[in-house]
Amino acid sequence: MTPAAPPMPVYVVNLPRDSERMQRMASQLDALGLPFERIDAVLGRALGDAERAAIYDAQRNRRLFHDPLVPGEIGCYASHLKAWQRLVDDRLADAALVLEDDVLLRPSLVPVLQAVAALPPRWDMVKLIGRDRESPWRTWPLAEGVKLIRYRRVPSLTSAYIVSRAGATKLLACRKPFFRPIDTDLRHWWECDLRVYGTQPYPVAHGPDAAHSSIGRRELTDAFGHRWRKVRDQWRYSVGAWRANRQLRDDDPFSAT
């Protein structure tokens, strides 16, 4: 019997040097019957000045975010930009699953992909990894034992999500060049008119490599000015999320599905 075609392409973001991670991801995807395409991740510190300036707005970062991005964060964002562009360029696909190379895939992933692919096109992104406990704004049945949720506050994790072609187009137009880390930007979904949902429970979890980031770590600082800017950004986020959620209070795009 010929296996069923996957409901959408699968992109795995991976640095060439991280071959062991790629092997673990390939084994998991093969076990689930999901063919995939490797997206060559961007090493931030290898970018030249002109390449970095084309994708990262350092001036807006200084004005609007509390930390300059480290090279690894720039490379991580650039890698996701490549995945979004790949989907937009693939004229046959309406959505894609984007995975970083440090996750564990649960058996529920395949039925979740199938269920999301069958939804009406009223979403831009469905996050497949997040906090252990979510307090959703609203829920809808999605697959057996799985709900589609609308977040009160979108979680920051970006290692597994489904993005629609429309969502990828919005993100490329809105976030190139970027000035915040990708996880922070996706939490500010209203700035790009992005319709972000999640699942409960999640079909993807942290893998053994999740505690050892390939993108590098930023140095911690206790400077008063830095702390003040961080509090300012958190307040702006909370106000923005509250306003955006309030506008969607009566929106119910999936009740008829």
Protein backbone atom coordinates (compact mmCIF):
# COMPACT_ATOMS: atom_id res chain seq x y z
CA MET A 1 0.00 0.00 0.00
CA THR A 2 1.32 3.45 -0.91
CA PRO A 3 1.73 5.65 2.18
CA ALA A 4 -0.53 8.69 2.39
CA ALA A 5 1.01 11.92 1.20
CA PRO A 6 2.08 14.23 4.07
CA PRO A 7 -0.40 17.07 4.64
CA MET A 8 2.32 19.74 4.22
CA PRO A 9 6.07 20.07 3.69
CA VAL A 10 8.33 19.75 6.73
CA TYR A 11 11.35 22.06 7.11
CA VAL A 12 14.09 21.28 9.64
CA VAL A 13 16.35 24.23 10.50
CA ASN A 14 19.84 22.92 11.12
CA LEU A 15 23.42 24.19 11.11
CA PRO A 16 25.80 22.12 8.97
CA ARG A 17 28.03 21.49 12.00
CA ASP A 18 25.14 19.93 13.98
CA SER A 19 25.03 16.63 12.10
CA GLU A 20 24.13 14.55 15.16
CA ARG A 21 21.09 16.70 15.82
CA MET A 22 20.04 16.28 12.21
CA GLN A 23 20.39 12.53 12.43
CA ARG A 24 18.15 12.40 15.49
CA MET A 25 15.54 14.56 13.76
CA ALA A 26 15.69 12.45 10.61
CA SER A 27 15.14 9.26 12.63
CA GLN A 28 12.08 10.72 14.33
CA LEU A 29 10.55 12.04 11.12
CA ASP A 30 11.20 8.79 9.28
CA ALA A 31 9.48 6.87 12.08
CA LEU A 32 6.40 9.10 11.65
CA GLY A 33 6.43 8.74 7.87
CA LEU A 34 7.12 12.44 7.32
CA PRO A 35 9.53 13.37 4.53
CA PHE A 36 11.40 16.59 5.23
CA GLU A 37 13.63 19.23 3.74
CA ARG A 38 16.65 20.52 5.62
CA ILE A 39 16.94 24.32 5.80
CA ASP A 40 20.57 25.36 6.07
CA ALA A 41 20.58 27.48 9.23
CA VAL A 42 22.45 30.79 9.33
CA LEU A 43 25.49 31.19 11.57
CA GLY A 44 25.07 34.72 12.83
CA ARG A 45 28.72 35.45 13.50
CA ALA A 46 29.60 34.47 9.92
CA LEU A 47 27.44 37.23 8.43
CA GLY A 48 29.21 40.20 6.90
CA ASP A 49 28.24 43.75 7.84
CA ALA A 50 26.13 44.25 4.72
CA GLU A 51 24.37 40.88 5.12
CA ARG A 52 23.57 41.63 8.76
CA ALA A 53 22.34 45.16 7.99
CA ALA A 54 19.99 43.78 5.32
CA ILE A 55 18.06 41.72 7.86
CA TYR A 56 18.71 43.34 11.28
CA ASP A 57 17.76 46.94 12.10
CA ALA A 58 20.21 47.91 14.85
CA GLN A 59 18.83 51.45 15.06
CA ARG A 60 15.26 50.30 15.77
CA ASN A 61 16.65 47.76 18.21
CA ARG A 62 18.31 50.54 20.23
CA ARG A 63 15.09 52.54 20.28
CA LEU A 64 12.54 49.81 20.85
CA PHE A 65 14.16 46.83 22.58
CA HIS A 66 16.08 46.49 25.81
CA ASP A 67 18.97 44.36 24.45
CA PRO A 68 21.07 44.38 21.29
CA LEU A 69 20.78 41.01 19.57
CA VAL A 70 23.76 38.69 19.83
CA PRO A 71 25.01 37.08 16.59
CA GLY A 72 23.30 33.80 17.44
CA GLU A 73 19.91 35.48 17.80
CA ILE A 74 20.41 37.20 14.46
CA GLY A 75 21.33 33.90 12.85
CA CYS A 76 18.35 32.13 14.41
CA TYR A 77 15.92 34.75 13.08
CA ALA A 78 17.59 34.69 9.66
CA SER A 79 17.17 30.90 9.57
CA HIS A 80 13.42 31.19 10.13
CA LEU A 81 13.24 33.90 7.47
CA LYS A 82 14.73 31.32 5.06
CA ALA A 83 12.05 28.79 6.02
CA TRP A 84 9.26 31.33 5.47
CA GLN A 85 10.71 32.33 2.11
CA ARG A 86 10.97 28.66 1.11
CA LEU A 87 7.25 28.22 1.78
CA VAL A 88 6.32 31.34 -0.17
CA ASP A 89 8.46 30.16 -3.09
CA ASP A 90 6.79 26.72 -3.02
CA ARG A 91 3.67 27.55 -4.98
CA LEU A 92 2.12 24.12 -4.32
CA ALA A 93 2.08 24.31 -0.51
CA ASP A 94 -0.48 26.21 1.55
CA ALA A 95 1.40 25.69 4.84
CA ALA A 96 4.55 24.13 6.26
CA LEU A 97 5.76 22.59 9.49
CA VAL A 98 8.93 24.33 10.72
CA LEU A 99 11.11 22.49 13.24
CA GLU A 100 14.34 23.38 14.94
CA ASP A 101 16.67 20.43 15.44
CA ASP A 102 16.40 20.02 19.23
CA VAL A 103 12.86 18.70 19.72
CA LEU A 104 11.09 15.43 20.47
CA LEU A 105 8.17 14.52 18.20
CA ARG A 106 5.19 12.75 19.72
CA PRO A 107 2.93 10.34 17.78
CA SER A 108 0.09 12.89 17.95
CA LEU A 109 2.02 15.16 15.57
CA VAL A 110 0.73 13.50 12.38
CA PRO A 111 -3.01 13.72 13.21
CA VAL A 112 -2.47 17.30 14.37
CA LEU A 113 -0.86 18.18 11.02
CA GLN A 114 -3.74 16.56 9.18
CA ALA A 115 -6.33 18.38 11.28
CA VAL A 116 -4.66 21.78 10.87
CA ALA A 117 -4.36 21.24 7.11
CA ALA A 118 -8.14 20.65 7.01
CA LEU A 119 -9.00 23.89 8.86
CA PRO A 120 -10.46 26.81 6.92
CA PRO A 121 -7.79 29.40 6.09
CA ARG A 122 -8.50 31.59 9.12
CA TRP A 123 -5.13 31.12 10.80
CA ASP A 124 -1.53 32.11 10.10
CA MET A 125 0.43 30.11 12.66
CA VAL A 126 -0.23 27.17 14.99
CA LYS A 127 2.41 26.69 17.68
CA LEU A 128 3.18 23.06 18.50
CA ILE A 129 5.38 23.58 21.58
CA GLY A 130 4.89 25.84 24.54
CA ARG A 131 4.36 26.00 28.27
CA ASP A 132 3.36 22.93 30.25
CA ARG A 133 0.17 24.68 31.29
CA GLU A 134 -1.68 27.19 29.15
CA SER A 135 -4.61 29.38 30.14
CA PRO A 136 -6.30 29.74 26.74
CA TRP A 137 -8.65 32.52 25.75
CA ARG A 138 -10.78 30.12 23.72
CA THR A 139 -10.66 26.48 22.54
CA TRP A 140 -12.02 24.40 19.66
CA PRO A 141 -11.89 20.64 18.98
CA LEU A 142 -9.03 19.83 16.60
CA ALA A 143 -8.11 16.13 16.64
CA GLU A 144 -8.80 13.22 18.96
CA GLY A 145 -7.75 14.37 22.42
CA VAL A 146 -6.36 17.66 21.07
CA LYS A 147 -7.82 21.17 21.14
CA LEU A 148 -6.98 24.22 19.10
CA ILE A 149 -6.43 27.16 21.46
CA ARG A 150 -6.29 30.92 21.23
CA TYR A 151 -3.72 32.26 23.65
CA ARG A 152 -4.08 34.96 26.22
CA ARG A 153 -0.31 35.40 26.00
CA VAL A 154 1.53 33.62 23.20
CA PRO A 155 4.47 31.53 24.52
CA SER A 156 7.95 32.42 23.35
CA LEU A 157 9.16 29.04 22.08
CA THR A 158 9.75 28.85 18.31
CA SER A 159 11.17 25.35 17.86
CA ALA A 160 7.98 23.84 16.36
CA TYR A 161 5.12 25.54 14.55
CA ILE A 162 2.95 25.36 11.45
CA VAL A 163 2.90 28.52 9.35
CA SER A 164 0.53 29.18 6.48
CA ARG A 165 1.64 30.72 3.21
CA ALA A 166 -0.36 33.83 4.13
CA GLY A 167 1.34 33.94 7.52
CA ALA A 168 4.80 33.57 6.01
CA THR A 169 4.03 36.37 3.56
CA LYS A 170 2.92 38.65 6.41
CA LEU A 171 6.02 37.88 8.45
CA LEU A 172 8.41 38.49 5.58
CA ALA A 173 6.77 41.84 4.85
CA CYS A 174 6.56 42.90 8.49
CA ARG A 175 9.77 41.51 10.00
CA LYS A 176 12.46 42.09 7.43
CA PRO A 177 14.50 43.76 8.75
CA PHE A 178 13.83 42.69 12.34
CA PHE A 179 14.93 44.33 15.59
CA ARG A 180 13.87 41.87 18.31
CA PRO A 181 14.52 38.12 18.81
CA ILE A 182 12.15 35.91 16.85
CA ASP A 183 10.44 34.48 19.93
CA THR A 184 9.66 37.98 21.19
CA ASP A 185 8.45 39.15 17.78
CA LEU A 186 6.00 36.27 17.39
CA ARG A 187 4.51 37.12 20.78
CA HIS A 188 3.69 40.58 19.33
CA TRP A 189 1.39 38.97 16.76
CA TRP A 190 -0.93 41.98 16.44
CA GLU A 191 1.86 44.11 14.95
CA CYS A 192 1.79 41.94 11.80
CA ASP A 193 -1.95 41.13 11.89
CA LEU A 194 -0.86 37.55 12.54
CA ARG A 195 -3.50 35.02 13.64
CA VAL A 196 -1.65 32.75 16.09
CA TYR A 197 -3.10 29.63 17.70
CA GLY A 198 -1.72 26.64 19.57
CA THR A 199 -2.67 23.11 20.52
CA GLN A 200 -3.49 21.52 23.84
CA PRO A 201 -1.70 19.24 24.53
CA TYR A 202 1.33 19.98 22.41
CA PRO A 203 2.58 17.27 20.01
CA VAL A 204 6.22 18.42 20.29
CA ALA A 205 8.44 18.63 23.38
CA HIS A 206 11.95 19.74 24.26
CA GLY A 207 14.64 17.31 23.18
CA PRO A 208 17.94 16.40 24.87
CA ASP A 209 19.77 19.24 23.10
CA ALA A 210 17.31 21.98 24.07
CA ALA A 211 19.34 23.01 27.12
CA HIS A 212 22.43 23.50 24.95
CA SER A 213 21.53 26.21 22.46
CA SER A 214 23.46 26.43 19.21
CA ILE A 215 22.75 30.13 18.91
CA GLY A 216 24.78 31.28 21.91
CA ARG A 217 23.85 33.07 25.09
CA ARG A 218 23.71 36.73 25.94
CA GLU A 219 25.60 38.19 28.87
CA LEU A 220 23.46 39.11 31.85
CA THR A 221 23.55 42.63 33.17
CA ASP A 222 22.24 44.28 36.31
CA ALA A 223 22.51 47.83 35.02
CA PHE A 224 19.59 49.97 36.16
CA GLY A 225 19.01 51.34 32.66
CA HIS A 226 18.76 47.84 31.25
CA ARG A 227 16.30 46.76 33.94
CA TRP A 228 14.16 49.83 33.31
CA ARG A 229 14.06 49.21 29.56
CA LYS A 230 13.10 45.60 30.13
CA VAL A 231 10.24 46.59 32.45
CA ARG A 232 9.14 49.16 29.87
CA ASP A 233 9.07 46.50 27.13
CA GLN A 234 7.14 44.07 29.33
CA TRP A 235 4.55 46.76 30.10
CA ARG A 236 4.19 47.61 26.40
CA TYR A 237 3.70 43.93 25.60
CA SER A 238 1.06 43.44 28.29
CA VAL A 239 -0.93 46.48 27.15
CA GLY A 240 -0.65 45.49 23.49
CA ALA A 241 -1.73 41.90 24.14
CA TRP A 242 -4.69 43.03 26.25
CA ARG A 243 -5.90 45.43 23.56
CA ALA A 244 -5.46 42.92 20.75
CA ASN A 245 -7.24 40.14 22.65
CA ARG A 246 -10.09 42.49 23.52
CA GLN A 247 -10.64 43.24 19.83
CA LEU A 248 -10.92 39.49 19.17
CA ARG A 249 -13.25 38.85 22.11
CA ASP A 250 -16.24 37.96 19.92
CA ASP A 251 -14.26 36.42 17.04
CA ASP A 252 -15.12 32.73 16.63
CA PRO A 253 -13.59 31.51 13.34
CA PHE A 254 -13.76 27.74 13.89
CA SER A 255 -17.06 26.93 15.56
CA ALA A 256 -18.60 25.74 12.30
CA THR A 257 -15.75 23.28 11.62
